């Protein structure tokens, strides 16, 4: 049963996030958490997430706008490290409030609430006809990288902010997705280095001891298939359709973060 759940979730979500640029880690981690401790689920998800982004580079990386990539991803990678360094301190802050729903406790943390508010603002822009065609001046692109990278290192939710910013950078459809994917790999590598190898090494040893590395392999392969399907459907999807997908996912993720569910 665990194989079926991981494969179906990875397949569907990878296809969906090919267009949005975010959501795979957020939605796949709970599936892994059904079968492993939370720290192991996070590590397993990280492997699938990074492997899938590298695979997507082969699918669409050639369309990357390297001028935008340099302006956005370099400051993003630097500030992802800064955010990651601050994570240990800010993670100790007490939740703003907690509540119980259906016998489960949920905690609303300060940093996630800030990210949720930012996502809500970006979603409003995408859903407002007069604003969704807004373009961002090239000189502000590094600031978008700083914002995305910093909060990515701090909370792990850099994908949504990266997408929300780059979608207004004046890129055509394929260049937009190619630049997103290339940026994601650079930012992920930066923040994972700062997070350190001890946690992941320990988690992976647990996975290996349980003989569950093959579950990660199947999850990664399913994500590859989902991304390949997304690449095929890209020719049939308009940029306006991508914008609507991004807006809906931003709203869902913002609500989940603000409510303490994610």
C-alpha atoms as a PDB file:
ATOM      1  CA  UNK A   1       0.000   0.000   0.000  1.00  0.00           C
ATOM      2  CA  UNK A   2       2.825   2.435   0.838  1.00  0.00           C
ATOM      3  CA  UNK A   3       4.283   2.002  -2.653  1.00  0.00           C
ATOM      4  CA  UNK A   4       0.950   2.802  -4.272  1.00  0.00           C
ATOM      5  CA  UNK A   5       0.362   5.922  -2.160  1.00  0.00           C
ATOM      6  CA  UNK A   6       3.869   7.352  -2.687  1.00  0.00           C
ATOM      7  CA  UNK A   7       3.836   6.607  -6.427  1.00  0.00           C
ATOM      8  CA  UNK A   8       0.382   8.138  -7.017  1.00  0.00           C
ATOM      9  CA  UNK A   9       1.117  11.267  -4.968  1.00  0.00           C
ATOM     10  CA  UNK A  10       4.534  11.792  -6.592  1.00  0.00           C
ATOM     11  CA  UNK A  11       3.129  11.208 -10.084  1.00  0.00           C
ATOM     12  CA  UNK A  12       0.186  13.593  -9.745  1.00  0.00           C
ATOM     13  CA  UNK A  13       1.916  16.345  -7.792  1.00  0.00           C
ATOM     14  CA  UNK A  14       5.056  16.367  -9.963  1.00  0.00           C
ATOM     15  CA  UNK A  15       2.884  16.834 -13.049  1.00  0.00           C
ATOM     16  CA  UNK A  16       0.981  19.678 -11.398  1.00  0.00           C
ATOM     17  CA  UNK A  17       4.043  21.421  -9.987  1.00  0.00           C
ATOM     18  CA  UNK A  18       5.820  21.320 -13.347  1.00  0.00           C
ATOM     19  CA  UNK A  19       3.768  24.427 -14.153  1.00  0.00           C
ATOM     20  CA  UNK A  20       3.554  26.045 -10.726  1.00  0.00           C
ATOM     21  CA  UNK A  21       7.166  25.458  -9.703  1.00  0.00           C
ATOM     22  CA  UNK A  22       6.263  24.619  -6.096  1.00  0.00           C
ATOM     23  CA  UNK A  23       4.261  22.179  -3.994  1.00  0.00           C
ATOM     24  CA  UNK A  24       5.981  18.821  -4.522  1.00  0.00           C
ATOM     25  CA  UNK A  25       7.793  18.833  -1.185  1.00  0.00           C
ATOM     26  CA  UNK A  26       4.807  20.289   0.669  1.00  0.00           C
ATOM     27  CA  UNK A  27       2.385  17.649  -0.576  1.00  0.00           C
ATOM     28  CA  UNK A  28       4.712  14.631  -0.787  1.00  0.00           C
ATOM     29  CA  UNK A  29       6.132  14.911   2.740  1.00  0.00           C
ATOM     30  CA  UNK A  30       2.802  14.042   4.454  1.00  0.00           C
ATOM     31  CA  UNK A  31       2.614  10.903   2.289  1.00  0.00           C
ATOM     32  CA  UNK A  32       6.062   9.781   3.490  1.00  0.00           C
ATOM     33  CA  UNK A  33       5.081  10.737   7.052  1.00  0.00           C
ATOM     34  CA  UNK A  34       2.369   8.066   6.956  1.00  0.00           C
ATOM     35  CA  UNK A  35       5.105   5.421   7.045  1.00  0.00           C
ATOM     36  CA  UNK A  36       8.152   7.089   8.673  1.00  0.00           C
ATOM     37  CA  UNK A  37       8.989   9.424  11.581  1.00  0.00           C
ATOM     38  CA  UNK A  38       8.695  13.071  10.541  1.00  0.00           C
ATOM     39  CA  UNK A  39      12.463  13.697  10.353  1.00  0.00           C
ATOM     40  CA  UNK A  40      12.890  10.673   8.093  1.00  0.00           C
ATOM     41  CA  UNK A  41       9.934  11.784   5.946  1.00  0.00           C
ATOM     42  CA  UNK A  42      11.558  15.205   5.476  1.00  0.00           C
ATOM     43  CA  UNK A  43      14.837  13.626   4.395  1.00  0.00           C
ATOM     44  CA  UNK A  44      13.108  11.224   2.002  1.00  0.00           C
ATOM     45  CA  UNK A  45      11.116  14.077   0.480  1.00  0.00           C
ATOM     46  CA  UNK A  46      14.300  16.130   0.051  1.00  0.00           C
ATOM     47  CA  UNK A  47      15.838  13.378  -2.086  1.00  0.00           C
ATOM     48  CA  UNK A  48      12.807  13.112  -4.372  1.00  0.00           C
ATOM     49  CA  UNK A  49      12.488  16.910  -4.579  1.00  0.00           C
ATOM     50  CA  UNK A  50      16.104  17.516  -5.606  1.00  0.00           C
ATOM     51  CA  UNK A  51      16.207  14.529  -7.970  1.00  0.00           C
ATOM     52  CA  UNK A  52      13.031  15.705  -9.697  1.00  0.00           C
ATOM     53  CA  UNK A  53      14.339  19.250 -10.144  1.00  0.00           C
ATOM     54  CA  UNK A  54      17.552  17.935 -11.676  1.00  0.00           C
ATOM     55  CA  UNK A  55      15.476  15.768 -14.023  1.00  0.00           C
ATOM     56  CA  UNK A  56      13.408  18.816 -15.005  1.00  0.00           C
ATOM     57  CA  UNK A  57      16.600  20.639 -15.980  1.00  0.00           C
ATOM     58  CA  UNK A  58      17.142  17.959 -18.623  1.00  0.00           C
ATOM     59  CA  UNK A  59      13.547  18.429 -19.796  1.00  0.00           C
ATOM     60  CA  UNK A  60      13.430  22.206 -20.040  1.00  0.00           C
ATOM     61  CA  UNK A  61      16.638  23.672 -18.663  1.00  0.00           C
ATOM     62  CA  UNK A  62      17.826  24.713 -22.122  1.00  0.00           C
ATOM     63  CA  UNK A  63      15.146  27.412 -22.140  1.00  0.00           C
ATOM     64  CA  UNK A  64      16.608  29.059 -19.020  1.00  0.00           C
ATOM     65  CA  UNK A  65      17.111  32.800 -19.280  1.00  0.00           C
ATOM     66  CA  UNK A  66      20.634  32.987 -17.853  1.00  0.00           C
ATOM     67  CA  UNK A  67      20.518  36.754 -17.399  1.00  0.00           C
ATOM     68  CA  UNK A  68      17.468  36.453 -15.133  1.00  0.00           C
ATOM     69  CA  UNK A  69      18.943  33.341 -13.497  1.00  0.00           C
ATOM     70  CA  UNK A  70      22.128  35.191 -12.515  1.00  0.00           C
ATOM     71  CA  UNK A  71      20.235  38.220 -11.241  1.00  0.00           C
ATOM     72  CA  UNK A  72      17.741  36.133  -9.285  1.00  0.00           C
ATOM     73  CA  UNK A  73      19.421  32.892  -8.226  1.00  0.00           C
ATOM     74  CA  UNK A  74      22.774  34.232  -7.017  1.00  0.00           C
ATOM     75  CA  UNK A  75      21.293  36.564  -4.362  1.00  0.00           C
ATOM     76  CA  UNK A  76      18.673  33.882  -3.660  1.00  0.00           C
ATOM     77  CA  UNK A  77      21.335  31.265  -2.950  1.00  0.00           C
ATOM     78  CA  UNK A  78      23.267  33.657  -0.706  1.00  0.00           C
ATOM     79  CA  UNK A  79      20.233  34.658   1.336  1.00  0.00           C
ATOM     80  CA  UNK A  80      18.984  31.069   1.489  1.00  0.00           C
ATOM     81  CA  UNK A  81      22.144  30.413   3.498  1.00  0.00           C
ATOM     82  CA  UNK A  82      21.416  33.450   5.690  1.00  0.00           C
ATOM     83  CA  UNK A  83      17.853  32.263   6.292  1.00  0.00           C
ATOM     84  CA  UNK A  84      19.063  28.762   7.086  1.00  0.00           C
ATOM     85  CA  UNK A  85      21.482  30.131   9.691  1.00  0.00           C
ATOM     86  CA  UNK A  86      18.625  32.038  11.360  1.00  0.00           C
ATOM     87  CA  UNK A  87      16.349  29.002  11.342  1.00  0.00           C
ATOM     88  CA  UNK A  88      17.769  27.505  14.517  1.00  0.00           C
ATOM     89  CA  UNK A  89      17.076  30.726  16.439  1.00  0.00           C
ATOM     90  CA  UNK A  90      13.646  31.577  15.075  1.00  0.00           C
ATOM     91  CA  UNK A  91      12.433  27.980  15.331  1.00  0.00           C
ATOM     92  CA  UNK A  92      12.667  28.391  19.097  1.00  0.00           C
ATOM     93  CA  UNK A  93      10.076  31.182  19.124  1.00  0.00           C
ATOM     94  CA  UNK A  94       6.801  30.202  20.721  1.00  0.00           C
ATOM     95  CA  UNK A  95       3.784  29.757  18.429  1.00  0.00           C
ATOM     96  CA  UNK A  96       1.478  32.761  18.243  1.00  0.00           C
ATOM     97  CA  UNK A  97      -1.418  30.520  19.198  1.00  0.00           C
ATOM     98  CA  UNK A  98      -2.571  26.926  19.039  1.00  0.00           C
ATOM     99  CA  UNK A  99      -5.935  25.270  18.623  1.00  0.00           C
ATOM    100  CA  UNK A 100      -7.483  21.823  18.473  1.00  0.00           C
ATOM    101  CA  UNK A 101      -9.565  20.514  15.595  1.00  0.00           C
ATOM    102  CA  UNK A 102     -10.872  16.954  15.253  1.00  0.00           C
ATOM    103  CA  UNK A 103      -8.703  15.849  18.202  1.00  0.00           C
ATOM    104  CA  UNK A 104      -5.545  17.200  16.522  1.00  0.00           C
ATOM    105  CA  UNK A 105      -3.483  20.167  17.742  1.00  0.00           C
ATOM    106  CA  UNK A 106      -2.272  22.830  15.312  1.00  0.00           C
ATOM    107  CA  UNK A 107       0.329  25.519  16.005  1.00  0.00           C
ATOM    108  CA  UNK A 108       0.559  28.848  14.164  1.00  0.00           C
ATOM    109  CA  UNK A 109       4.227  29.864  14.042  1.00  0.00           C
ATOM    110  CA  UNK A 110       5.384  33.479  13.460  1.00  0.00           C
ATOM    111  CA  UNK A 111       7.600  32.768  10.452  1.00  0.00           C
ATOM    112  CA  UNK A 112       4.995  30.665   8.655  1.00  0.00           C
ATOM    113  CA  UNK A 113       2.369  33.337   9.227  1.00  0.00           C
ATOM    114  CA  UNK A 114       4.672  35.918   7.611  1.00  0.00           C
ATOM    115  CA  UNK A 115       5.230  33.656   4.596  1.00  0.00           C
ATOM    116  CA  UNK A 116       1.462  33.011   4.384  1.00  0.00           C
ATOM    117  CA  UNK A 117       0.763  36.757   4.278  1.00  0.00           C
ATOM    118  CA  UNK A 118       3.316  37.217   1.493  1.00  0.00           C
ATOM    119  CA  UNK A 119       1.750  34.363  -0.469  1.00  0.00           C
ATOM    120  CA  UNK A 120      -1.688  35.887   0.031  1.00  0.00           C
ATOM    121  CA  UNK A 121      -0.462  39.173  -1.429  1.00  0.00           C
ATOM    122  CA  UNK A 122       1.033  37.418  -4.459  1.00  0.00           C
ATOM    123  CA  UNK A 123      -2.153  35.391  -4.926  1.00  0.00           C
ATOM    124  CA  UNK A 124      -4.217  38.586  -4.859  1.00  0.00           C
ATOM    125  CA  UNK A 125      -2.021  39.986  -7.633  1.00  0.00           C
ATOM    126  CA  UNK A 126      -2.529  36.851  -9.738  1.00  0.00           C
ATOM    127  CA  UNK A 127      -6.299  36.842  -9.236  1.00  0.00           C
ATOM    128  CA  UNK A 128      -6.806  40.555  -9.966  1.00  0.00           C
ATOM    129  CA  UNK A 129      -7.241  41.117 -13.731  1.00  0.00           C
ATOM    130  CA  UNK A 130      -5.695  44.594 -13.656  1.00  0.00           C
ATOM    131  CA  UNK A 131      -2.611  43.349 -11.808  1.00  0.00           C
ATOM    132  CA  UNK A 132      -1.883  39.873 -13.194  1.00  0.00           C
ATOM    133  CA  UNK A 133      -0.193  41.303 -16.314  1.00  0.00           C
ATOM    134  CA  UNK A 134       2.053  43.431 -14.121  1.00  0.00           C
ATOM    135  CA  UNK A 135       5.714  43.259 -15.150  1.00  0.00           C
ATOM    136  CA  UNK A 136       8.683  43.735 -12.826  1.00  0.00           C
ATOM    137  CA  UNK A 137      11.549  46.049 -13.738  1.00  0.00           C
ATOM    138  CA  UNK A 138      14.810  44.146 -14.247  1.00  0.00           C
ATOM    139  CA  UNK A 139      16.490  46.131 -11.471  1.00  0.00           C
ATOM    140  CA  UNK A 140      14.154  44.598  -8.872  1.00  0.00           C
ATOM    141  CA  UNK A 141      14.855  40.981  -9.817  1.00  0.00           C
ATOM    142  CA  UNK A 142      17.743  40.601  -7.309  1.00  0.00           C
ATOM    143  CA  UNK A 143      15.373  41.773  -4.550  1.00  0.00           C
ATOM    144  CA  UNK A 144      12.977  38.985  -5.527  1.00  0.00           C
ATOM    145  CA  UNK A 145      15.874  36.545  -5.214  1.00  0.00           C
ATOM    146  CA  UNK A 146      16.737  37.891  -1.766  1.00  0.00           C
ATOM    147  CA  UNK A 147      13.127  37.532  -0.598  1.00  0.00           C
ATOM    148  CA  UNK A 148      12.635  34.041  -2.032  1.00  0.00           C
ATOM    149  CA  UNK A 149      16.008  32.732  -0.891  1.00  0.00           C
ATOM    150  CA  UNK A 150      15.790  34.151   2.620  1.00  0.00           C
ATOM    151  CA  UNK A 151      12.368  32.716   3.375  1.00  0.00           C
ATOM    152  CA  UNK A 152      13.325  29.495   1.602  1.00  0.00           C
ATOM    153  CA  UNK A 153      16.243  28.990   3.952  1.00  0.00           C
ATOM    154  CA  UNK A 154      14.156  30.037   6.928  1.00  0.00           C
ATOM    155  CA  UNK A 155      10.951  28.064   6.348  1.00  0.00           C
ATOM    156  CA  UNK A 156      11.616  25.849   3.313  1.00  0.00           C
ATOM    157  CA  UNK A 157       8.843  27.528   1.296  1.00  0.00           C
ATOM    158  CA  UNK A 158      11.005  29.299  -1.257  1.00  0.00           C
ATOM    159  CA  UNK A 159       9.287  27.715  -4.265  1.00  0.00           C
ATOM    160  CA  UNK A 160       6.032  29.635  -3.988  1.00  0.00           C
ATOM    161  CA  UNK A 161       7.736  33.005  -3.518  1.00  0.00           C
ATOM    162  CA  UNK A 162      10.160  32.284  -6.359  1.00  0.00           C
ATOM    163  CA  UNK A 163       7.324  31.441  -8.734  1.00  0.00           C
ATOM    164  CA  UNK A 164       5.190  34.400  -7.660  1.00  0.00           C
ATOM    165  CA  UNK A 165       8.058  36.763  -8.444  1.00  0.00           C
ATOM    166  CA  UNK A 166       9.453  35.256 -11.652  1.00  0.00           C
ATOM    167  CA  UNK A 167       6.018  34.960 -13.244  1.00  0.00           C
ATOM    168  CA  UNK A 168       6.122  38.758 -13.615  1.00  0.00           C
ATOM    169  CA  UNK A 169       9.711  38.970 -14.847  1.00  0.00           C
ATOM    170  CA  UNK A 170       8.636  39.250 -18.493  1.00  0.00           C
ATOM    171  CA  UNK A 171       9.618  35.707 -19.493  1.00  0.00           C
ATOM    172  CA  UNK A 172       7.774  33.613 -22.055  1.00  0.00           C
ATOM    173  CA  UNK A 173       6.295  30.289 -20.952  1.00  0.00           C
ATOM    174  CA  UNK A 174       9.225  27.915 -21.484  1.00  0.00           C
ATOM    175  CA  UNK A 175      11.829  30.428 -20.324  1.00  0.00           C
ATOM    176  CA  UNK A 176       9.781  31.033 -17.169  1.00  0.00           C
ATOM    177  CA  UNK A 177       9.671  27.339 -16.241  1.00  0.00           C
ATOM    178  CA  UNK A 178      13.294  26.681 -17.249  1.00  0.00           C
ATOM    179  CA  UNK A 179      14.522  29.620 -15.165  1.00  0.00           C
ATOM    180  CA  UNK A 180      12.402  28.510 -12.201  1.00  0.00           C
ATOM    181  CA  UNK A 181      13.824  24.999 -12.281  1.00  0.00           C
ATOM    182  CA  UNK A 182      17.447  26.144 -12.571  1.00  0.00           C
ATOM    183  CA  UNK A 183      16.941  28.610  -9.713  1.00  0.00           C
ATOM    184  CA  UNK A 184      15.359  25.899  -7.561  1.00  0.00           C
ATOM    185  CA  UNK A 185      18.383  23.617  -7.849  1.00  0.00           C
ATOM    186  CA  UNK A 186      20.827  26.395  -6.898  1.00  0.00           C
ATOM    187  CA  UNK A 187      18.741  27.512  -3.913  1.00  0.00           C
ATOM    188  CA  UNK A 188      18.146  23.945  -2.701  1.00  0.00           C
ATOM    189  CA  UNK A 189      21.847  23.111  -2.815  1.00  0.00           C
ATOM    190  CA  UNK A 190      22.704  26.294  -0.880  1.00  0.00           C
ATOM    191  CA  UNK A 191      20.243  25.766   1.944  1.00  0.00           C
ATOM    192  CA  UNK A 192      20.861  22.023   2.220  1.00  0.00           C
ATOM    193  CA  UNK A 193      24.591  22.648   2.692  1.00  0.00           C
ATOM    194  CA  UNK A 194      23.841  25.016   5.564  1.00  0.00           C
ATOM    195  CA  UNK A 195      21.321  22.682   7.153  1.00  0.00           C
ATOM    196  CA  UNK A 196      24.230  20.283   7.471  1.00  0.00           C
ATOM    197  CA  UNK A 197      24.752  16.651   6.620  1.00  0.00           C
ATOM    198  CA  UNK A 198      24.396  15.104  10.075  1.00  0.00           C
ATOM    199  CA  UNK A 199      20.593  15.174  10.155  1.00  0.00           C
ATOM    200  CA  UNK A 200      20.235  13.831   6.628  1.00  0.00           C
ATOM    201  CA  UNK A 201      22.956  11.238   7.131  1.00  0.00           C
ATOM    202  CA  UNK A 202      21.215   9.962  10.252  1.00  0.00           C
ATOM    203  CA  UNK A 203      17.816   9.915   8.554  1.00  0.00           C
ATOM    204  CA  UNK A 204      19.143   8.112   5.486  1.00  0.00           C
ATOM    205  CA  UNK A 205      20.814   5.485   7.670  1.00  0.00           C
ATOM    206  CA  UNK A 206      17.431   4.801   9.274  1.00  0.00           C
ATOM    207  CA  UNK A 207      15.858   4.501   5.833  1.00  0.00           C
ATOM    208  CA  UNK A 208      18.580   2.124   4.727  1.00  0.00           C
ATOM    209  CA  UNK A 209      18.234   0.010   7.860  1.00  0.00           C
ATOM    210  CA  UNK A 210      14.523  -0.333   7.204  1.00  0.00           C
ATOM    211  CA  UNK A 211      15.157  -1.319   3.596  1.00  0.00           C
ATOM    212  CA  UNK A 212      13.045   1.605   2.419  1.00  0.00           C
ATOM    213  CA  UNK A 213      15.434   3.318   0.014  1.00  0.00           C
ATOM    214  CA  UNK A 214      13.612   1.550  -2.785  1.00  0.00           C
ATOM    215  CA  UNK A 215      10.472   3.487  -1.788  1.00  0.00           C
ATOM    216  CA  UNK A 216      12.385   6.720  -2.430  1.00  0.00           C
ATOM    217  CA  UNK A 217      13.527   5.313  -5.767  1.00  0.00           C
ATOM    218  CA  UNK A 218       9.974   4.506  -6.850  1.00  0.00           C
ATOM    219  CA  UNK A 219       8.806   7.907  -5.642  1.00  0.00           C
ATOM    220  CA  UNK A 220      11.538   9.605  -7.660  1.00  0.00           C
ATOM    221  CA  UNK A 221      10.729   7.594 -10.784  1.00  0.00           C
ATOM    222  CA  UNK A 222       7.029   8.431 -10.424  1.00  0.00           C
ATOM    223  CA  UNK A 223       7.937  12.112 -10.081  1.00  0.00           C
ATOM    224  CA  UNK A 224      10.046  11.843 -13.246  1.00  0.00           C
ATOM    225  CA  UNK A 225       7.062  10.429 -15.123  1.00  0.00           C
ATOM    226  CA  UNK A 226       4.802  13.170 -13.745  1.00  0.00           C
ATOM    227  CA  UNK A 227       7.271  15.859 -14.826  1.00  0.00           C
ATOM    228  CA  UNK A 228       7.593  14.278 -18.276  1.00  0.00           C
ATOM    229  CA  UNK A 229       3.804  14.377 -18.641  1.00  0.00           C
ATOM    230  CA  UNK A 230       3.841  17.998 -17.520  1.00  0.00           C
ATOM    231  CA  UNK A 231       6.495  18.786 -20.138  1.00  0.00           C
ATOM    232  CA  UNK A 232       4.312  17.197 -22.817  1.00  0.00           C
ATOM    233  CA  UNK A 233       1.225  19.130 -21.691  1.00  0.00           C
ATOM    234  CA  UNK A 234       3.206  22.380 -21.629  1.00  0.00           C
ATOM    235  CA  UNK A 235       2.619  22.824 -25.363  1.00  0.00           C
ATOM    236  CA  UNK A 236      -1.127  22.711 -24.731  1.00  0.00           C
ATOM    237  CA  UNK A 237      -1.221  25.041 -21.721  1.00  0.00           C
ATOM    238  CA  UNK A 238      -1.393  28.832 -22.050  1.00  0.00           C
ATOM    239  CA  UNK A 239       0.580  31.184 -19.853  1.00  0.00           C
ATOM    240  CA  UNK A 240      -2.726  32.454 -18.492  1.00  0.00           C
ATOM    241  CA  UNK A 241      -3.527  28.889 -17.427  1.00  0.00           C
ATOM    242  CA  UNK A 242      -0.195  28.687 -15.618  1.00  0.00           C
ATOM    243  CA  UNK A 243      -0.965  31.955 -13.827  1.00  0.00           C
ATOM    244  CA  UNK A 244      -4.326  30.626 -12.635  1.00  0.00           C
ATOM    245  CA  UNK A 245      -2.693  27.401 -11.414  1.00  0.00           C
ATOM    246  CA  UNK A 246      -0.102  29.406  -9.487  1.00  0.00           C
ATOM    247  CA  UNK A 247      -2.781  31.641  -7.943  1.00  0.00           C
ATOM    248  CA  UNK A 248      -4.897  28.709  -6.730  1.00  0.00           C
ATOM    249  CA  UNK A 249      -1.901  26.881  -5.252  1.00  0.00           C
ATOM    250  CA  UNK A 250      -0.686  30.065  -3.555  1.00  0.00           C
ATOM    251  CA  UNK A 251      -4.085  30.473  -1.877  1.00  0.00           C
ATOM    252  CA  UNK A 252      -4.179  26.832  -0.728  1.00  0.00           C
ATOM    253  CA  UNK A 253      -0.619  26.936   0.614  1.00  0.00           C
ATOM    254  CA  UNK A 254      -1.129  30.325   2.322  1.00  0.00           C
ATOM    255  CA  UNK A 255      -4.260  29.079   4.111  1.00  0.00           C
ATOM    256  CA  UNK A 256      -2.471  25.887   5.176  1.00  0.00           C
ATOM    257  CA  UNK A 257       0.513  27.821   6.577  1.00  0.00           C
ATOM    258  CA  UNK A 258      -1.599  30.472   8.320  1.00  0.00           C
ATOM    259  CA  UNK A 259      -3.762  27.775   9.916  1.00  0.00           C
ATOM    260  CA  UNK A 260      -0.764  25.794  11.111  1.00  0.00           C
ATOM    261  CA  UNK A 261      -1.773  22.746   9.067  1.00  0.00           C
ATOM    262  CA  UNK A 262       1.423  22.788   6.959  1.00  0.00           C
END
